[in-house]
């Protein structure tokens, strides 16, 4: 579980670094990445992950974390915009 949190936060940092600003969706990105890394680790155990740290599947957890962050980014783009 600790590695899932670390992998999720690292992937969010990379997502923000390459994607630019996150502003109000940052907490949602962090939550999606951590849950995605945790789910990806379970998938990696079941299917077998080529890049492992002990029993933790690094490649599958990162891939599912990025899918979760992409879903958050897409949903936040489709939502209403703030008018000031």
Protein backbone atom coordinates (compact mmCIF):
# COMPACT_ATOMS: atom_id res chain seq x y z
CA UNK A 1 0.00 0.00 0.00
CA UNK A 2 2.84 2.40 0.77
CA UNK A 3 4.41 1.80 -2.63
CA UNK A 4 1.04 2.43 -4.31
CA UNK A 5 0.87 5.84 -2.61
CA UNK A 6 4.45 6.68 -3.61
CA UNK A 7 3.95 5.53 -7.20
CA UNK A 8 0.68 7.47 -7.40
CA UNK A 9 2.25 10.70 -6.15
CA UNK A 10 5.26 10.29 -8.44
CA UNK A 11 2.99 9.76 -11.44
CA UNK A 12 0.94 12.85 -10.53
CA UNK A 13 4.16 14.86 -10.34
CA UNK A 14 5.14 13.64 -13.80
CA UNK A 15 1.63 14.31 -15.12
CA UNK A 16 1.71 17.90 -13.87
CA UNK A 17 5.28 18.37 -15.10
CA UNK A 18 4.44 17.28 -18.63
CA UNK A 19 0.82 18.44 -18.74
CA UNK A 20 1.18 21.89 -17.22
CA UNK A 21 -1.15 23.19 -14.55
CA UNK A 22 -3.54 21.14 -12.44
CA UNK A 23 -5.10 23.82 -10.18
CA UNK A 24 -8.37 22.62 -8.65
CA UNK A 25 -8.19 19.09 -9.97
CA UNK A 26 -4.92 18.21 -8.18
CA UNK A 27 -6.60 16.41 -5.24
CA UNK A 28 -8.68 14.39 -7.70
CA UNK A 29 -5.56 13.54 -9.71
CA UNK A 30 -3.76 12.36 -6.58
CA UNK A 31 -6.71 10.23 -5.49
CA UNK A 32 -7.15 8.72 -8.97
CA UNK A 33 -3.43 7.97 -9.27
CA UNK A 34 -3.20 6.31 -5.85
CA UNK A 35 -6.32 4.21 -6.44
CA UNK A 36 -5.10 3.41 -9.95
CA UNK A 37 -1.68 2.35 -8.68
CA UNK A 38 -3.33 0.14 -6.07
CA UNK A 39 -5.65 -1.44 -8.67
CA UNK A 40 -2.80 -1.77 -11.15
CA UNK A 41 -0.73 -3.59 -8.58
CA UNK A 42 -3.54 -6.11 -8.13
CA UNK A 43 -3.74 -6.55 -11.90
CA UNK A 44 0.04 -6.95 -12.06
CA UNK A 45 -0.03 -9.71 -9.47
CA UNK A 46 -2.78 -11.50 -11.36
CA UNK A 47 -1.30 -11.17 -14.88
CA UNK A 48 2.37 -10.94 -14.01
CA UNK A 49 4.34 -7.73 -14.32
CA UNK A 50 7.75 -7.64 -16.02
CA UNK A 51 8.99 -4.71 -13.90
CA UNK A 52 8.64 -5.59 -10.22
CA UNK A 53 9.90 -4.22 -6.93
CA UNK A 54 9.57 -7.22 -4.66
CA UNK A 55 5.92 -8.19 -5.05
CA UNK A 56 4.88 -4.79 -6.35
CA UNK A 57 4.19 -4.55 -10.10
CA UNK A 58 5.61 -1.17 -11.08
CA UNK A 59 4.68 -1.13 -14.77
CA UNK A 60 1.05 -2.16 -14.34
CA UNK A 61 0.49 0.15 -11.37
CA UNK A 62 1.92 3.13 -13.26
CA UNK A 63 -0.13 2.34 -16.36
CA UNK A 64 -3.42 2.14 -14.46
CA UNK A 65 -2.51 5.29 -12.49
CA UNK A 66 -2.07 7.16 -15.78
CA UNK A 67 -5.42 5.82 -17.00
CA UNK A 68 -7.06 7.14 -13.84
CA UNK A 69 -5.43 10.54 -14.23
CA UNK A 70 -6.48 10.68 -17.88
CA UNK A 71 -10.08 9.99 -16.88
CA UNK A 72 -9.95 12.83 -14.33
CA UNK A 73 -8.45 15.18 -16.92
CA UNK A 74 -11.10 14.30 -19.50
CA UNK A 75 -13.98 14.65 -17.05
CA UNK A 76 -12.66 17.98 -15.78
CA UNK A 77 -12.45 19.28 -19.34
CA UNK A 78 -16.02 18.25 -20.07
CA UNK A 79 -17.38 19.91 -16.94
CA UNK A 80 -18.68 23.48 -16.76
CA UNK A 81 -16.20 26.33 -16.76
CA UNK A 82 -16.09 29.11 -14.22
CA UNK A 83 -17.19 32.53 -15.43
CA UNK A 84 -15.59 35.49 -13.72
